[in-house]
Every structure is written in C-alpha cells, then in structure tokens.
Amino acid sequence: MENISIEEYIEELEITIPKIMRSIQFTTLKDLFGLGLDITLSQFYVLITIFHNNGCKMSSLANEMSLSPGAMTGLVDRLEKQDLVKRTHDTRDRRAVTVWLSDEGKDFISEFQNKKTEYLKAVLNKIGEQNKVKLIQSLRVFNQAITEILHDALIQAEAG
C-alpha cells in the first residue's frame, strides 16, 4: 500500500473497522456459538459490566450505559426474570441497590468468554504469527495516538 494518500487510508479505515465490528458483535457471536439465552445487546452489556466490576450499583450501571434509572431498572428486571442477575439492598440505605451476577449469569458469561476466546484464537491462528505481531503493534500505536489526541483536545477545551 505504497503512495496512498491519507484520505485513502481514512476511507479504508471507515470501510474495514465497521466490517470487523459487525463480524465480532454480540448478536453474530451469540448465533455462532449457539448460546441458549435470548438476550439483547444492551442486556449483554449490563452482564459484562457487572462481571467486570464484581457487582455494580444500579446508579453506576445507568451512568455507565447512559440510561435513565427507569430504563436501567427495566433492563435489570428482564435479566432478573431470566435468573441472570440478583439485587441486594444496602442495609444502611434501602434506596441503594447493587446488582450481582447469579450463578446462571456467571455461567453464561463464562461460556461466552470461553467461546469468544476460541473464536479469536482461530482468527489469530489464521493470520499467522508475523501478522499477529504486526496487528497488535499497529493497534497499540493507533490506540496511543487516539488517546494522545483526545487528551490534547480535552486540555484545549478546558483552557478555552
């Protein structure tokens, strides 16, 4: 890809990144893995957030997903009906509710993570060792550049 303009690189990124994201999005992976639960992408993100935080306050979940407390309550209600989460109330403040993965929720996330890992192993093995190294190096450089540009933009916005 020599003598390619920056605009052509941008065009290639704009085409390729969405294609990659579609191929690894939850709905595709759920179908590919044959996972037995019928949950939405939003519900999945709630489960993953709870998993990564080892439990999560309802207010934090709503903030994390940019949802109103009412919308978050509805999402958690549906997950609770499927026995994927459970709620506990703070003994000092009954209004404060923490959501935890149930055993079924933990099993679902564990199964999903295992199958996702196997899928990504197959993809990485298909591209070969040299391309794996290049891919990871390039993604790290790309992420660092994005981080620095966003950081600089935030500093300028605060100063301006």
N, C-alpha and C. Protein backbone atom coordinates (compact mmCIF):
# COMPACT_ATOMS: atom_id res chain seq x y z
N MET A 1 0.84 -1.19 0.00
CA MET A 1 0.00 0.00 0.00
C MET A 1 0.88 1.25 0.00
N GLU A 2 1.73 1.34 -1.01
CA GLU A 2 2.62 2.49 -1.11
C GLU A 2 1.95 3.60 -1.91
N ASN A 3 2.42 4.83 -1.65
CA ASN A 3 1.92 6.02 -2.34
C ASN A 3 0.42 6.18 -2.20
N ILE A 4 -0.08 5.88 -1.02
CA ILE A 4 -1.51 6.04 -0.76
C ILE A 4 -1.70 7.32 0.05
N SER A 5 -2.68 8.10 -0.33
CA SER A 5 -2.94 9.35 0.38
C SER A 5 -3.60 9.07 1.72
N ILE A 6 -3.51 10.04 2.61
CA ILE A 6 -4.13 9.91 3.93
C ILE A 6 -5.63 9.72 3.80
N GLU A 7 -6.23 10.36 2.81
CA GLU A 7 -7.67 10.21 2.57
C GLU A 7 -8.02 8.77 2.21
N GLU A 8 -7.14 8.12 1.44
CA GLU A 8 -7.38 6.72 1.08
C GLU A 8 -7.25 5.80 2.30
N TYR A 9 -6.31 6.13 3.18
CA TYR A 9 -6.19 5.36 4.42
C TYR A 9 -7.46 5.54 5.27
N ILE A 10 -7.93 6.76 5.35
CA ILE A 10 -9.14 7.04 6.13
C ILE A 10 -10.32 6.27 5.55
N GLU A 11 -10.45 6.29 4.22
CA GLU A 11 -11.54 5.56 3.57
C GLU A 11 -11.45 4.06 3.90
N GLU A 12 -10.25 3.51 3.85
CA GLU A 12 -10.07 2.09 4.16
C GLU A 12 -10.44 1.80 5.62
N LEU A 13 -10.06 2.69 6.54
CA LEU A 13 -10.45 2.52 7.95
C LEU A 13 -11.97 2.57 8.10
N GLU A 14 -12.59 3.53 7.41
CA GLU A 14 -14.04 3.69 7.51
C GLU A 14 -14.80 2.49 6.96
N ILE A 15 -14.20 1.78 6.04
CA ILE A 15 -14.82 0.58 5.49
C ILE A 15 -14.51 -0.64 6.34
N THR A 16 -13.25 -0.79 6.71
CA THR A 16 -12.79 -2.01 7.37
C THR A 16 -13.23 -2.13 8.82
N ILE A 17 -13.12 -1.06 9.59
CA ILE A 17 -13.45 -1.16 11.03
C ILE A 17 -14.90 -1.57 11.24
N PRO A 18 -15.89 -0.97 10.57
CA PRO A 18 -17.27 -1.45 10.76
C PRO A 18 -17.47 -2.91 10.36
N LYS A 19 -16.78 -3.34 9.29
CA LYS A 19 -16.89 -4.74 8.89
C LYS A 19 -16.37 -5.66 10.00
N ILE A 20 -15.24 -5.30 10.58
CA ILE A 20 -14.68 -6.10 11.69
C ILE A 20 -15.64 -6.10 12.87
N MET A 21 -16.17 -4.94 13.21
CA MET A 21 -17.07 -4.84 14.36
C MET A 21 -18.33 -5.67 14.14
N ARG A 22 -18.87 -5.65 12.92
CA ARG A 22 -20.06 -6.46 12.64
C ARG A 22 -19.75 -7.95 12.78
N SER A 23 -18.54 -8.34 12.37
CA SER A 23 -18.21 -9.77 12.42
C SER A 23 -17.96 -10.27 13.83
N ILE A 24 -17.67 -9.39 14.77
CA ILE A 24 -17.45 -9.85 16.15
C ILE A 24 -18.48 -9.30 17.12
N GLN A 25 -19.55 -8.71 16.61
CA GLN A 25 -20.56 -8.18 17.52
C GLN A 25 -21.30 -9.32 18.22
N PHE A 26 -21.90 -8.99 19.32
CA PHE A 26 -22.52 -9.98 20.19
C PHE A 26 -23.55 -10.84 19.48
N THR A 27 -24.43 -10.21 18.68
CA THR A 27 -25.50 -10.99 18.05
C THR A 27 -24.93 -12.04 17.11
N THR A 28 -23.89 -11.69 16.38
CA THR A 28 -23.25 -12.66 15.49
C THR A 28 -22.61 -13.78 16.29
N LEU A 29 -21.88 -13.40 17.33
CA LEU A 29 -21.20 -14.41 18.15
C LEU A 29 -22.20 -15.29 18.89
N LYS A 30 -23.30 -14.69 19.35
CA LYS A 30 -24.33 -15.47 20.05
C LYS A 30 -24.88 -16.55 19.13
N ASP A 31 -25.17 -16.17 17.88
CA ASP A 31 -25.68 -17.15 16.91
C ASP A 31 -24.60 -18.18 16.57
N LEU A 32 -23.38 -17.70 16.36
CA LEU A 32 -22.27 -18.59 16.01
C LEU A 32 -22.00 -19.60 17.12
N PHE A 33 -22.06 -19.16 18.36
CA PHE A 33 -21.74 -20.02 19.49
C PHE A 33 -22.93 -20.87 19.93
N GLY A 34 -24.13 -20.55 19.43
CA GLY A 34 -25.31 -21.30 19.82
C GLY A 34 -25.64 -21.15 21.29
N LEU A 35 -25.43 -19.95 21.83
CA LEU A 35 -25.75 -19.73 23.24
C LEU A 35 -27.26 -19.73 23.43
N GLY A 36 -27.72 -20.42 24.46
CA GLY A 36 -29.13 -20.70 24.61
C GLY A 36 -30.00 -19.58 25.14
N LEU A 37 -29.44 -18.46 25.54
CA LEU A 37 -30.26 -17.40 26.10
C LEU A 37 -30.62 -16.37 25.05
N ASP A 38 -31.84 -15.87 25.15
CA ASP A 38 -32.28 -14.84 24.23
C ASP A 38 -32.21 -13.50 24.95
N ILE A 39 -31.05 -12.86 24.85
CA ILE A 39 -30.90 -11.55 25.48
C ILE A 39 -30.47 -10.54 24.42
N THR A 40 -30.73 -9.29 24.71
CA THR A 40 -30.38 -8.21 23.79
C THR A 40 -28.93 -7.79 24.01
N LEU A 41 -28.42 -7.01 23.09
CA LEU A 41 -27.07 -6.48 23.22
C LEU A 41 -26.97 -5.61 24.48
N SER A 42 -27.97 -4.81 24.76
CA SER A 42 -27.96 -3.97 25.96
C SER A 42 -27.91 -4.82 27.22
N GLN A 43 -28.70 -5.88 27.24
CA GLN A 43 -28.68 -6.78 28.40
C GLN A 43 -27.31 -7.43 28.54
N PHE A 44 -26.71 -7.80 27.41
CA PHE A 44 -25.38 -8.39 27.45
C PHE A 44 -24.38 -7.41 28.04
N TYR A 45 -24.43 -6.14 27.62
CA TYR A 45 -23.51 -5.13 28.15
C TYR A 45 -23.70 -4.95 29.65
N VAL A 46 -24.92 -5.04 30.12
CA VAL A 46 -25.17 -4.96 31.56
C VAL A 46 -24.47 -6.12 32.26
N LEU A 47 -24.63 -7.33 31.73
CA LEU A 47 -23.99 -8.50 32.33
C LEU A 47 -22.48 -8.36 32.35
N ILE A 48 -21.91 -7.92 31.25
CA ILE A 48 -20.45 -7.76 31.17
C ILE A 48 -19.97 -6.69 32.15
N THR A 49 -20.71 -5.60 32.25
CA THR A 49 -20.33 -4.53 33.18
C THR A 49 -20.35 -5.04 34.62
N ILE A 50 -21.40 -5.77 34.97
CA ILE A 50 -21.49 -6.34 36.32
C ILE A 50 -20.33 -7.31 36.55
N PHE A 51 -20.05 -8.13 35.55
CA PHE A 51 -18.96 -9.10 35.65
C PHE A 51 -17.62 -8.40 35.91
N HIS A 52 -17.32 -7.38 35.11
CA HIS A 52 -16.02 -6.71 35.23
C HIS A 52 -15.89 -5.89 36.51
N ASN A 53 -17.01 -5.50 37.09
CA ASN A 53 -16.97 -4.71 38.32
C ASN A 53 -17.26 -5.54 39.56
N ASN A 54 -17.45 -6.84 39.38
CA ASN A 54 -17.79 -7.73 40.50
C ASN A 54 -18.97 -7.18 41.29
N GLY A 55 -20.06 -6.97 40.58
CA GLY A 55 -21.24 -6.34 41.16
C GLY A 55 -21.23 -4.87 40.82
N CYS A 56 -22.40 -4.27 40.78
CA CYS A 56 -22.47 -2.87 40.36
C CYS A 56 -23.72 -2.22 40.94
N LYS A 57 -23.57 -1.01 41.42
CA LYS A 57 -24.73 -0.25 41.89
C LYS A 57 -25.59 0.12 40.69
N MET A 58 -26.89 0.15 40.89
CA MET A 58 -27.82 0.49 39.80
C MET A 58 -27.49 1.87 39.22
N SER A 59 -27.16 2.82 40.07
CA SER A 59 -26.84 4.17 39.58
C SER A 59 -25.59 4.15 38.71
N SER A 60 -24.60 3.35 39.07
CA SER A 60 -23.38 3.24 38.27
C SER A 60 -23.67 2.58 36.93
N LEU A 61 -24.50 1.55 36.95
CA LEU A 61 -24.89 0.88 35.71
C LEU A 61 -25.58 1.86 34.77
N ALA A 62 -26.52 2.62 35.30
CA ALA A 62 -27.25 3.59 34.48
C ALA A 62 -26.28 4.61 33.89
N ASN A 63 -25.36 5.11 34.71
CA ASN A 63 -24.35 6.06 34.23
C ASN A 63 -23.48 5.44 33.15
N GLU A 64 -22.98 4.25 33.41
CA GLU A 64 -22.07 3.55 32.50
C GLU A 64 -22.70 3.36 31.12
N MET A 65 -24.00 3.09 31.10
CA MET A 65 -24.68 2.82 29.84
C MET A 65 -25.44 4.02 29.30
N SER A 66 -25.32 5.16 29.98
CA SER A 66 -26.00 6.39 29.58
C SER A 66 -27.51 6.18 29.46
N LEU A 67 -28.07 5.53 30.47
CA LEU A 67 -29.51 5.29 30.51
C LEU A 67 -30.11 5.94 31.74
N SER A 68 -31.39 6.20 31.67
CA SER A 68 -32.09 6.72 32.84
C SER A 68 -32.21 5.61 33.86
N PRO A 69 -32.38 5.96 35.14
CA PRO A 69 -32.57 4.92 36.15
C PRO A 69 -33.77 4.02 35.84
N GLY A 70 -34.83 4.59 35.28
CA GLY A 70 -36.01 3.79 34.93
C GLY A 70 -35.73 2.77 33.84
N ALA A 71 -35.00 3.21 32.81
CA ALA A 71 -34.64 2.28 31.73
C ALA A 71 -33.72 1.18 32.25
N MET A 72 -32.80 1.54 33.14
CA MET A 72 -31.90 0.55 33.71
C MET A 72 -32.68 -0.45 34.56
N THR A 73 -33.65 0.03 35.30
CA THR A 73 -34.48 -0.86 36.11
C THR A 73 -35.19 -1.88 35.23
N GLY A 74 -35.70 -1.43 34.08
CA GLY A 74 -36.36 -2.35 33.16
C GLY A 74 -35.42 -3.41 32.62
N LEU A 75 -34.21 -3.00 32.26
CA LEU A 75 -33.21 -3.96 31.77
C LEU A 75 -32.88 -4.99 32.84
N VAL A 76 -32.65 -4.52 34.05
CA VAL A 76 -32.29 -5.42 35.14
C VAL A 76 -33.47 -6.32 35.50
N ASP A 77 -34.68 -5.78 35.43
CA ASP A 77 -35.88 -6.61 35.68
C ASP A 77 -35.92 -7.81 34.73
N ARG A 78 -35.67 -7.53 33.44
CA ARG A 78 -35.72 -8.61 32.45
C ARG A 78 -34.60 -9.64 32.68
N LEU A 79 -33.43 -9.17 33.08
CA LEU A 79 -32.33 -10.09 33.38
C LEU A 79 -32.62 -10.90 34.64
N GLU A 80 -33.27 -10.27 35.58
CA GLU A 80 -33.63 -10.96 36.83
C GLU A 80 -34.67 -12.06 36.55
N LYS A 81 -35.62 -11.78 35.65
CA LYS A 81 -36.63 -12.79 35.28
C LYS A 81 -35.99 -14.01 34.63
N GLN A 82 -34.85 -13.82 33.98
CA GLN A 82 -34.14 -14.94 33.36
C GLN A 82 -33.13 -15.57 34.33
N ASP A 83 -33.16 -15.13 35.58
CA ASP A 83 -32.26 -15.63 36.63
C ASP A 83 -30.78 -15.39 36.32
N LEU A 84 -30.48 -14.29 35.62
CA LEU A 84 -29.09 -13.98 35.29
C LEU A 84 -28.45 -13.01 36.28
N VAL A 85 -29.28 -12.25 36.98
CA VAL A 85 -28.78 -11.30 37.99
C VAL A 85 -29.64 -11.38 39.24
N LYS A 86 -29.10 -10.84 40.32
CA LYS A 86 -29.86 -10.69 41.56
C LYS A 86 -29.52 -9.33 42.15
N ARG A 87 -30.45 -8.79 42.90
CA ARG A 87 -30.27 -7.47 43.50
C ARG A 87 -30.16 -7.60 45.01
N THR A 88 -29.34 -6.73 45.58
CA THR A 88 -29.30 -6.62 47.04
C THR A 88 -29.45 -5.15 47.41
N HIS A 89 -30.10 -4.92 48.54
CA HIS A 89 -30.27 -3.56 49.04
C HIS A 89 -29.24 -3.30 50.12
N ASP A 90 -28.71 -2.09 50.12
CA ASP A 90 -27.76 -1.68 51.14
C ASP A 90 -28.48 -1.64 52.48
N THR A 91 -27.88 -2.20 53.51
CA THR A 91 -28.54 -2.23 54.82
C THR A 91 -28.66 -0.84 55.44
N ARG A 92 -27.77 0.08 55.05
CA ARG A 92 -27.83 1.44 55.61
C ARG A 92 -28.74 2.36 54.80
N ASP A 93 -28.91 2.06 53.52
CA ASP A 93 -29.73 2.90 52.66
C ASP A 93 -30.49 2.00 51.69
N ARG A 94 -31.74 1.73 51.99
CA ARG A 94 -32.54 0.79 51.18
C ARG A 94 -32.71 1.24 49.74
N ARG A 95 -32.49 2.54 49.48
CA ARG A 95 -32.60 3.02 48.10
C ARG A 95 -31.41 2.58 47.25
N ALA A 96 -30.28 2.31 47.89
CA ALA A 96 -29.08 1.90 47.17
C ALA A 96 -29.16 0.40 46.86
N VAL A 97 -29.14 0.08 45.57
CA VAL A 97 -29.29 -1.30 45.13
C VAL A 97 -28.04 -1.71 44.35
N THR A 98 -27.50 -2.87 44.70
CA THR A 98 -26.37 -3.43 43.97
C THR A 98 -26.86 -4.64 43.19
N VAL A 99 -26.39 -4.75 41.95
CA VAL A 99 -26.78 -5.87 41.09
C VAL A 99 -25.57 -6.80 40.96
N TRP A 100 -25.82 -8.08 41.12
CA TRP A 100 -24.79 -9.11 41.05
C TRP A 100 -25.18 -10.14 39.99
N LEU A 101 -24.19 -10.80 39.43
CA LEU A 101 -24.50 -11.93 38.56
C LEU A 101 -24.95 -13.10 39.42
N SER A 102 -26.00 -13.77 39.00
CA SER A 102 -26.41 -15.00 39.65
C SER A 102 -25.47 -16.11 39.18
N ASP A 103 -25.63 -17.30 39.71
CA ASP A 103 -24.82 -18.42 39.23
C ASP A 103 -25.05 -18.65 37.75
N GLU A 104 -26.32 -18.53 37.31
CA GLU A 104 -26.64 -18.70 35.89
C GLU A 104 -25.98 -17.61 35.05
N GLY A 105 -25.97 -16.39 35.57
CA GLY A 105 -25.32 -15.27 34.87
C GLY A 105 -23.82 -15.50 34.75
N LYS A 106 -23.21 -15.98 35.83
CA LYS A 106 -21.77 -16.28 35.80
C LYS A 106 -21.48 -17.37 34.79
N ASP A 107 -22.33 -18.40 34.76
CA ASP A 107 -22.14 -19.49 33.81
C ASP A 107 -22.25 -18.99 32.37
N PHE A 108 -23.24 -18.12 32.11
CA PHE A 108 -23.43 -17.58 30.77
C PHE A 108 -22.21 -16.78 30.34
N ILE A 109 -21.74 -15.88 31.19
CA ILE A 109 -20.58 -15.05 30.86
C ILE A 109 -19.34 -15.93 30.66
N SER A 110 -19.18 -16.91 31.52
CA SER A 110 -18.03 -17.82 31.41
C SER A 110 -18.06 -18.57 30.08
N GLU A 111 -19.24 -19.09 29.73
CA GLU A 111 -19.38 -19.82 28.47
C GLU A 111 -19.12 -18.90 27.28
N PHE A 112 -19.67 -17.69 27.35
CA PHE A 112 -19.45 -16.73 26.26
C PHE A 112 -17.98 -16.39 26.13
N GLN A 113 -17.32 -16.10 27.26
CA GLN A 113 -15.90 -15.74 27.23
C GLN A 113 -15.06 -16.88 26.65
N ASN A 114 -15.35 -18.10 27.06
CA ASN A 114 -14.59 -19.25 26.56
C ASN A 114 -14.77 -19.42 25.05
N LYS A 115 -16.00 -19.31 24.58
CA LYS A 115 -16.26 -19.47 23.15
C LYS A 115 -15.69 -18.31 22.34
N LYS A 116 -15.75 -17.10 22.90
CA LYS A 116 -15.16 -15.93 22.23
C LYS A 116 -13.65 -16.12 22.12
N THR A 117 -13.03 -16.61 23.16
CA THR A 117 -11.58 -16.85 23.14
C THR A 117 -11.22 -17.87 22.07
N GLU A 118 -11.99 -18.94 21.98
CA GLU A 118 -11.72 -19.95 20.95
C GLU A 118 -11.88 -19.37 19.54
N TYR A 119 -12.89 -18.54 19.35
CA TYR A 119 -13.13 -17.88 18.07
C TYR A 119 -11.95 -16.98 17.70
N LEU A 120 -11.52 -16.15 18.66
CA LEU A 120 -10.42 -15.24 18.38
C LEU A 120 -9.10 -15.99 18.17
N LYS A 121 -8.92 -17.10 18.89
CA LYS A 121 -7.73 -17.93 18.65
C LYS A 121 -7.71 -18.42 17.20
N ALA A 122 -8.85 -18.87 16.72
CA ALA A 122 -8.94 -19.37 15.34
C ALA A 122 -8.62 -18.25 14.35
N VAL A 123 -9.15 -17.05 14.62
CA VAL A 123 -8.89 -15.92 13.73
C VAL A 123 -7.39 -15.58 13.74
N LEU A 124 -6.82 -15.48 14.93
CA LEU A 124 -5.40 -15.12 15.03
C LEU A 124 -4.50 -16.20 14.43
N ASN A 125 -4.86 -17.45 14.63
CA ASN A 125 -4.06 -18.52 14.03
C ASN A 125 -4.13 -18.48 12.50
N LYS A 126 -5.27 -18.06 11.98
CA LYS A 126 -5.46 -17.99 10.53
C LYS A 126 -4.56 -16.92 9.90
N ILE A 127 -4.29 -15.84 10.62
CA ILE A 127 -3.49 -14.75 10.02
C ILE A 127 -1.99 -14.97 10.16
N GLY A 128 -1.57 -15.93 10.95
CA GLY A 128 -0.14 -16.24 11.05
C GLY A 128 0.58 -15.38 12.07
N GLU A 129 1.72 -15.88 12.51
CA GLU A 129 2.49 -15.25 13.60
C GLU A 129 2.95 -13.84 13.25
N GLN A 130 3.51 -13.67 12.07
CA GLN A 130 4.04 -12.36 11.68
C GLN A 130 2.93 -11.31 11.62
N ASN A 131 1.78 -11.67 11.09
CA ASN A 131 0.67 -10.73 11.02
C ASN A 131 0.06 -10.45 12.39
N LYS A 132 0.08 -11.45 13.29
CA LYS A 132 -0.40 -11.22 14.66
C LYS A 132 0.42 -10.13 15.33
N VAL A 133 1.73 -10.25 15.20
CA VAL A 133 2.63 -9.26 15.81
C VAL A 133 2.38 -7.88 15.23
N LYS A 134 2.29 -7.80 13.91
CA LYS A 134 2.03 -6.51 13.25
C LYS A 134 0.68 -5.93 13.68
N LEU A 135 -0.33 -6.79 13.76
CA LEU A 135 -1.68 -6.33 14.14
C LEU A 135 -1.65 -5.72 15.54
N ILE A 136 -1.08 -6.43 16.49
CA ILE A 136 -1.06 -5.93 17.87
C ILE A 136 -0.24 -4.66 17.97
N GLN A 137 0.92 -4.63 17.33
CA GLN A 137 1.75 -3.42 17.35
C GLN A 137 0.99 -2.23 16.76
N SER A 138 0.34 -2.46 15.64
CA SER A 138 -0.40 -1.38 14.97
C SER A 138 -1.58 -0.90 15.81
N LEU A 139 -2.29 -1.84 16.41
CA LEU A 139 -3.43 -1.45 17.26
C LEU A 139 -2.96 -0.65 18.48
N ARG A 140 -1.84 -1.03 19.06
CA ARG A 140 -1.30 -0.28 20.20
C ARG A 140 -0.91 1.13 19.79
N VAL A 141 -0.24 1.26 18.65
CA VAL A 141 0.16 2.58 18.16
C VAL A 141 -1.09 3.42 17.85
N PHE A 142 -2.08 2.82 17.20
CA PHE A 142 -3.32 3.51 16.85
C PHE A 142 -4.04 3.98 18.12
N ASN A 143 -4.14 3.11 19.11
CA ASN A 143 -4.79 3.46 20.38
C ASN A 143 -4.04 4.59 21.09
N GLN A 144 -2.72 4.51 21.11
CA GLN A 144 -1.92 5.55 21.76
C GLN A 144 -2.13 6.91 21.09
N ALA A 145 -2.16 6.92 19.76
CA ALA A 145 -2.38 8.17 19.03
C ALA A 145 -3.76 8.75 19.34
N ILE A 146 -4.77 7.89 19.36
CA ILE A 146 -6.13 8.35 19.70
C ILE A 146 -6.15 8.92 21.11
N THR A 147 -5.54 8.22 22.05
CA THR A 147 -5.51 8.66 23.44
C THR A 147 -4.84 10.02 23.57
N GLU A 148 -3.70 10.19 22.91
CA GLU A 148 -2.98 11.46 22.99
C GLU A 148 -3.77 12.60 22.37
N ILE A 149 -4.39 12.36 21.22
CA ILE A 149 -5.16 13.41 20.56
C ILE A 149 -6.36 13.81 21.41
N LEU A 150 -7.06 12.82 21.97
CA LEU A 150 -8.20 13.13 22.84
C LEU A 150 -7.75 13.88 24.09
N HIS A 151 -6.63 13.47 24.67
CA HIS A 151 -6.09 14.15 25.85
C HIS A 151 -5.78 15.60 25.53
N ASP A 152 -5.09 15.83 24.41
CA ASP A 152 -4.75 17.19 23.99
C ASP A 152 -6.00 18.03 23.74
N ALA A 153 -7.01 17.43 23.11
CA ALA A 153 -8.26 18.14 22.83
C ALA A 153 -8.97 18.52 24.14
N LEU A 154 -8.96 17.62 25.13
CA LEU A 154 -9.58 17.93 26.43
C LEU A 154 -8.86 19.08 27.13
N ILE A 155 -7.54 19.08 27.06
CA ILE A 155 -6.77 20.17 27.68
C ILE A 155 -7.09 21.49 27.00
N GLN A 156 -7.17 21.48 25.66
CA GLN A 156 -7.51 22.69 24.93
C GLN A 156 -8.91 23.16 25.25
N ALA A 157 -9.84 22.23 25.38
CA ALA A 157 -11.22 22.59 25.69
C ALA A 157 -11.31 23.20 27.08
N GLU A 158 -10.58 22.67 28.03
CA GLU A 158 -10.58 23.22 29.39
C GLU A 158 -9.94 24.59 29.44
N ALA A 159 -8.91 24.80 28.63
CA ALA A 159 -8.20 26.07 28.61
C ALA A 159 -8.99 27.16 27.86
N GLY A 160 -9.81 26.71 26.91
CA GLY A 160 -10.52 27.65 26.04
C GLY A 160 -11.79 28.09 26.60
